[in-house]
Amino acid sequence: MSKNINTLIGELISYGMAEGLVDPADQVCLTNRLLEILGLQEYEKTELPEKPRAIHEILDDILDYAAEQKILE
């Protein structure tokens, strides 16, 4: 997989905020929840792509990561 999981988390949160699905006050809480779900200990902000991607592309890449890491059964 070519995408960094930190970038994917950032893209997902950015998408949610841009679409009004995530309140800026909930950004840290949501990030922590995603880290917990994905079995990660820390999050490092990375540069996001200039052009936002479609939500299904972001989620597909996160699912690919979860499958590679054997998070999915």
N, C-alpha and C. Protein backbone atom coordinates (compact mmCIF):
# COMPACT_ATOMS: atom_id res chain seq x y z
N MET A 1 0.85 -1.18 0.00
CA MET A 1 0.00 0.00 0.00
C MET A 1 0.89 1.24 0.00
N SER A 2 0.55 2.20 -0.83
CA SER A 2 1.40 3.37 -0.97
C SER A 2 1.02 4.51 -0.03
N LYS A 3 -0.15 4.45 0.55
CA LYS A 3 -0.62 5.53 1.42
C LYS A 3 -0.22 5.29 2.87
N ASN A 4 0.21 6.34 3.51
CA ASN A 4 0.55 6.32 4.92
C ASN A 4 -0.74 6.37 5.73
N ILE A 5 -0.86 5.55 6.76
CA ILE A 5 -2.10 5.51 7.55
C ILE A 5 -2.37 6.86 8.21
N ASN A 6 -1.33 7.58 8.59
CA ASN A 6 -1.53 8.91 9.17
C ASN A 6 -2.17 9.86 8.16
N THR A 7 -1.75 9.75 6.92
CA THR A 7 -2.34 10.57 5.86
C THR A 7 -3.80 10.19 5.66
N LEU A 8 -4.08 8.90 5.69
CA LEU A 8 -5.47 8.44 5.50
C LEU A 8 -6.38 8.93 6.62
N ILE A 9 -5.89 8.87 7.85
CA ILE A 9 -6.68 9.38 8.99
C ILE A 9 -6.92 10.88 8.80
N GLY A 10 -5.88 11.60 8.42
CA GLY A 10 -6.03 13.04 8.18
C GLY A 10 -7.02 13.34 7.08
N GLU A 11 -6.96 12.55 6.00
CA GLU A 11 -7.90 12.74 4.89
C GLU A 11 -9.34 12.49 5.34
N LEU A 12 -9.55 11.44 6.11
CA LEU A 12 -10.89 11.10 6.56
C LEU A 12 -11.46 12.20 7.46
N ILE A 13 -10.67 12.67 8.39
CA ILE A 13 -11.12 13.73 9.28
C ILE A 13 -11.35 15.03 8.51
N SER A 14 -10.45 15.35 7.61
CA SER A 14 -10.59 16.55 6.79
C SER A 14 -11.86 16.49 5.95
N TYR A 15 -12.13 15.32 5.38
CA TYR A 15 -13.37 15.14 4.60
C TYR A 15 -14.59 15.38 5.48
N GLY A 16 -14.59 14.78 6.66
CA GLY A 16 -15.72 14.94 7.57
C GLY A 16 -15.94 16.38 7.97
N MET A 17 -14.87 17.10 8.20
CA MET A 17 -14.99 18.50 8.58
C MET A 17 -15.49 19.34 7.40
N ALA A 18 -14.96 19.09 6.21
CA ALA A 18 -15.37 19.83 5.02
C ALA A 18 -16.84 19.62 4.69
N GLU A 19 -17.34 18.43 4.97
CA GLU A 19 -18.73 18.10 4.67
C GLU A 19 -19.68 18.41 5.83
N GLY A 20 -19.14 18.94 6.91
CA GLY A 20 -19.97 19.28 8.06
C GLY A 20 -20.37 18.07 8.90
N LEU A 21 -19.67 16.96 8.74
CA LEU A 21 -19.98 15.74 9.48
C LEU A 21 -19.22 15.68 10.81
N VAL A 22 -18.14 16.44 10.90
CA VAL A 22 -17.30 16.46 12.10
C VAL A 22 -17.16 17.90 12.56
N ASP A 23 -17.49 18.15 13.80
CA ASP A 23 -17.30 19.46 14.40
C ASP A 23 -15.82 19.62 14.73
N PRO A 24 -15.23 20.77 14.46
CA PRO A 24 -13.81 20.96 14.79
C PRO A 24 -13.48 20.63 16.25
N ALA A 25 -14.42 20.84 17.16
CA ALA A 25 -14.19 20.52 18.56
C ALA A 25 -14.03 19.03 18.80
N ASP A 26 -14.50 18.21 17.87
CA ASP A 26 -14.44 16.75 18.01
C ASP A 26 -13.26 16.12 17.27
N GLN A 27 -12.43 16.93 16.66
CA GLN A 27 -11.34 16.42 15.84
C GLN A 27 -10.38 15.53 16.63
N VAL A 28 -9.98 15.96 17.81
CA VAL A 28 -9.04 15.17 18.61
C VAL A 28 -9.68 13.87 19.08
N CYS A 29 -10.92 13.96 19.52
CA CYS A 29 -11.63 12.77 19.98
C CYS A 29 -11.78 11.75 18.85
N LEU A 30 -12.14 12.22 17.68
CA LEU A 30 -12.29 11.34 16.52
C LEU A 30 -10.95 10.72 16.13
N THR A 31 -9.89 11.52 16.14
CA THR A 31 -8.57 11.00 15.82
C THR A 31 -8.19 9.89 16.80
N ASN A 32 -8.41 10.13 18.09
CA ASN A 32 -8.09 9.12 19.10
C ASN A 32 -8.90 7.84 18.91
N ARG A 33 -10.16 7.99 18.55
CA ARG A 33 -11.01 6.82 18.33
C ARG A 33 -10.52 6.01 17.13
N LEU A 34 -10.14 6.69 16.06
CA LEU A 34 -9.61 6.00 14.88
C LEU A 34 -8.30 5.27 15.22
N LEU A 35 -7.45 5.92 16.01
CA LEU A 35 -6.21 5.26 16.43
C LEU A 35 -6.52 3.99 17.22
N GLU A 36 -7.48 4.07 18.10
CA GLU A 36 -7.87 2.90 18.90
C GLU A 36 -8.39 1.78 18.00
N ILE A 37 -9.27 2.11 17.09
CA ILE A 37 -9.84 1.11 16.18
C ILE A 37 -8.75 0.44 15.34
N LEU A 38 -7.78 1.24 14.89
CA LEU A 38 -6.73 0.73 14.01
C LEU A 38 -5.53 0.16 14.77
N GLY A 39 -5.60 0.17 16.10
CA GLY A 39 -4.53 -0.41 16.90
C GLY A 39 -3.24 0.38 16.88
N LEU A 40 -3.36 1.70 16.73
CA LEU A 40 -2.18 2.56 16.68
C LEU A 40 -1.99 3.29 18.00
N GLN A 41 -0.74 3.62 18.31
CA GLN A 41 -0.43 4.29 19.57
C GLN A 41 -0.31 5.80 19.41
N GLU A 42 0.04 6.25 18.23
CA GLU A 42 0.21 7.70 18.05
C GLU A 42 -0.15 8.11 16.63
N TYR A 43 -0.39 9.40 16.50
CA TYR A 43 -0.77 9.99 15.21
C TYR A 43 0.19 11.13 14.91
N GLU A 44 0.69 11.14 13.70
CA GLU A 44 1.57 12.21 13.27
C GLU A 44 0.91 12.90 12.08
N LYS A 45 0.63 14.20 12.22
CA LYS A 45 0.02 14.93 11.11
C LYS A 45 0.96 14.90 9.91
N THR A 46 0.39 14.65 8.77
CA THR A 46 1.15 14.64 7.53
C THR A 46 0.50 15.60 6.55
N GLU A 47 1.21 15.91 5.51
CA GLU A 47 0.66 16.78 4.49
C GLU A 47 -0.40 16.01 3.71
N LEU A 48 -1.55 16.64 3.55
CA LEU A 48 -2.65 16.00 2.84
C LEU A 48 -2.55 16.31 1.35
N PRO A 49 -3.13 15.45 0.52
CA PRO A 49 -3.13 15.74 -0.92
C PRO A 49 -3.79 17.08 -1.20
N GLU A 50 -3.30 17.78 -2.22
CA GLU A 50 -3.85 19.08 -2.57
C GLU A 50 -5.32 18.97 -2.97
N LYS A 51 -5.63 17.94 -3.73
CA LYS A 51 -7.00 17.74 -4.19
C LYS A 51 -7.66 16.69 -3.30
N PRO A 52 -8.75 17.05 -2.61
CA PRO A 52 -9.44 16.06 -1.77
C PRO A 52 -9.94 14.87 -2.61
N ARG A 53 -9.83 13.69 -2.02
CA ARG A 53 -10.30 12.48 -2.71
C ARG A 53 -11.73 12.17 -2.28
N ALA A 54 -12.37 11.33 -3.06
CA ALA A 54 -13.72 10.87 -2.74
C ALA A 54 -13.66 9.99 -1.49
N ILE A 55 -14.73 10.02 -0.71
CA ILE A 55 -14.78 9.28 0.55
C ILE A 55 -14.57 7.78 0.33
N HIS A 56 -15.11 7.23 -0.73
CA HIS A 56 -14.95 5.78 -0.95
C HIS A 56 -13.49 5.42 -1.21
N GLU A 57 -12.72 6.30 -1.80
CA GLU A 57 -11.31 6.03 -2.04
C GLU A 57 -10.54 6.02 -0.72
N ILE A 58 -10.84 6.97 0.15
CA ILE A 58 -10.19 7.05 1.46
C ILE A 58 -10.52 5.80 2.28
N LEU A 59 -11.81 5.45 2.32
CA LEU A 59 -12.23 4.30 3.11
C LEU A 59 -11.68 2.99 2.54
N ASP A 60 -11.61 2.88 1.22
CA ASP A 60 -11.01 1.68 0.61
C ASP A 60 -9.56 1.52 1.05
N ASP A 61 -8.82 2.62 1.07
CA ASP A 61 -7.41 2.55 1.48
C ASP A 61 -7.27 2.21 2.96
N ILE A 62 -8.17 2.73 3.79
CA ILE A 62 -8.14 2.39 5.22
C ILE A 62 -8.47 0.91 5.41
N LEU A 63 -9.44 0.41 4.67
CA LEU A 63 -9.77 -1.02 4.75
C LEU A 63 -8.60 -1.89 4.27
N ASP A 64 -7.92 -1.45 3.22
CA ASP A 64 -6.73 -2.18 2.75
C ASP A 64 -5.68 -2.23 3.85
N TYR A 65 -5.46 -1.11 4.52
CA TYR A 65 -4.50 -1.06 5.63
C TYR A 65 -4.91 -2.04 6.72
N ALA A 66 -6.20 -2.00 7.10
CA ALA A 66 -6.70 -2.88 8.16
C ALA A 66 -6.53 -4.35 7.77
N ALA A 67 -6.75 -4.69 6.52
CA ALA A 67 -6.57 -6.07 6.07
C ALA A 67 -5.09 -6.47 6.11
N GLU A 68 -4.21 -5.58 5.66
CA GLU A 68 -2.78 -5.85 5.66
C GLU A 68 -2.26 -6.06 7.09
N GLN A 69 -2.80 -5.30 8.02
CA GLN A 69 -2.36 -5.37 9.42
C GLN A 69 -3.10 -6.47 10.20
N LYS A 70 -3.98 -7.18 9.51
CA LYS A 70 -4.78 -8.25 10.11
C LYS A 70 -5.69 -7.75 11.24
N ILE A 71 -6.18 -6.54 11.05
CA ILE A 71 -7.15 -5.96 12.00
C ILE A 71 -8.53 -6.53 11.69
N LEU A 72 -8.77 -6.79 10.41
CA LEU A 72 -10.03 -7.38 9.97
C LEU A 72 -9.94 -8.90 10.08
N GLU A 73 -11.02 -9.52 10.44
CA GLU A 73 -11.02 -10.98 10.50
C GLU A 73 -11.77 -11.58 9.34
